[in-house]
Amino acid sequence: MAALLILLSNPLGFRINLVKAPGMANLFVLGFVALLAKKKYLWAGALAAVYVWTYNGWLVFWVVAAAWCVALLFDAVLVHGLRRG
């Protein structure tokens, strides 16, 4: 009986019925990476804000942005070498 009352509670029912579209979320992340590649950082920030607003995934874009910075660092150091002049 107690389990039935918990299932009928409004907050739990809302969370169970909350459907998030993972495919659309993946498109947001791919769009974010594409905007970073084109160096359109303002648009990438706007897309990140929309993503956080709709999917509550603030950590995802921080991880993607950090990975992007690490990739740029590796590119600068390993591929082009550090040029001192």
Protein backbone atom coordinates (compact mmCIF):
# COMPACT_ATOMS: atom_id res chain seq x y z
CA MET A 1 0.00 0.00 0.00
CA ALA A 2 2.83 2.41 0.85
CA ALA A 3 4.50 1.73 -2.52
CA LEU A 4 1.27 2.62 -4.29
CA LEU A 5 1.05 5.91 -2.39
CA ILE A 6 4.65 6.74 -3.34
CA LEU A 7 3.96 6.00 -7.01
CA LEU A 8 0.92 8.26 -6.94
CA SER A 9 2.82 11.20 -5.49
CA ASN A 10 3.08 14.15 -7.82
CA PRO A 11 6.89 14.74 -7.80
CA LEU A 12 7.75 11.09 -8.39
CA GLY A 13 5.16 10.77 -11.14
CA PHE A 14 6.57 13.87 -12.81
CA ARG A 15 10.12 12.52 -12.74
CA ILE A 16 9.11 9.09 -14.02
CA ASN A 17 7.15 10.60 -16.93
CA LEU A 18 9.86 13.10 -17.80
CA VAL A 19 11.04 12.04 -21.22
CA LYS A 20 14.28 13.40 -22.58
CA ALA A 21 15.24 12.86 -26.17
CA PRO A 22 18.83 11.55 -26.13
CA GLY A 23 19.08 11.83 -29.91
CA MET A 24 18.33 15.52 -29.81
CA ALA A 25 20.78 15.97 -26.94
CA ASN A 26 23.48 14.31 -29.06
CA LEU A 27 22.71 16.75 -31.87
CA PHE A 28 23.23 19.62 -29.43
CA VAL A 29 26.65 18.22 -28.45
CA LEU A 30 27.66 17.68 -32.09
CA GLY A 31 26.53 21.21 -32.93
CA PHE A 32 28.59 22.50 -30.02
CA VAL A 33 31.70 20.72 -31.29
CA ALA A 34 31.06 22.00 -34.84
CA LEU A 35 30.75 25.58 -33.57
CA LEU A 36 33.99 25.19 -31.61
CA ALA A 37 35.70 23.91 -34.76
CA LYS A 38 34.52 26.97 -36.69
CA LYS A 39 35.69 29.22 -33.81
CA LYS A 40 32.20 30.62 -33.28
CA TYR A 41 32.51 30.76 -29.53
CA LEU A 42 29.59 33.14 -28.95
CA TRP A 43 27.20 30.81 -30.78
CA ALA A 44 28.68 27.84 -28.95
CA GLY A 45 27.97 29.59 -25.66
CA ALA A 46 24.41 30.33 -26.74
CA LEU A 47 23.89 26.70 -27.76
CA ALA A 48 25.33 25.57 -24.43
CA ALA A 49 22.85 27.83 -22.60
CA VAL A 50 19.94 26.37 -24.57
CA TYR A 51 21.19 22.84 -23.93
CA VAL A 52 21.46 23.45 -20.19
CA TRP A 53 18.04 25.07 -20.15
CA THR A 54 16.34 22.18 -21.95
CA TYR A 55 18.29 19.12 -20.78
CA ASN A 56 19.89 20.24 -17.51
CA GLY A 57 23.20 18.92 -18.77
CA TRP A 58 25.59 21.62 -17.66
CA LEU A 59 28.42 19.18 -16.98
CA VAL A 60 28.39 17.71 -20.50
CA PHE A 61 29.46 20.88 -22.27
CA TRP A 62 32.14 21.63 -19.68
CA VAL A 63 33.63 18.20 -20.35
CA VAL A 64 33.40 18.69 -24.13
CA ALA A 65 34.94 22.17 -23.90
CA ALA A 66 37.77 20.86 -21.68
CA ALA A 67 38.42 18.01 -24.11
CA TRP A 68 38.51 20.56 -26.94
CA CYS A 69 41.08 22.66 -25.08
CA VAL A 70 43.23 19.58 -24.40
CA ALA A 71 43.04 18.63 -28.08
CA LEU A 72 44.13 22.14 -29.10
CA LEU A 73 47.01 21.96 -26.63
CA PHE A 74 48.16 18.60 -27.99
CA ASP A 75 47.88 19.96 -31.52
CA ALA A 76 49.97 22.99 -30.64
CA VAL A 77 52.65 21.04 -28.80
CA LEU A 78 52.89 17.74 -30.65
CA VAL A 79 52.03 18.68 -34.22
CA HIS A 80 53.35 22.19 -34.53
CA GLY A 81 55.83 22.22 -31.68
CA LEU A 82 56.40 25.12 -29.40
CA ARG A 83 57.86 28.00 -31.32
CA ARG A 84 59.84 30.38 -29.24
CA GLY A 85 60.91 33.53 -30.76
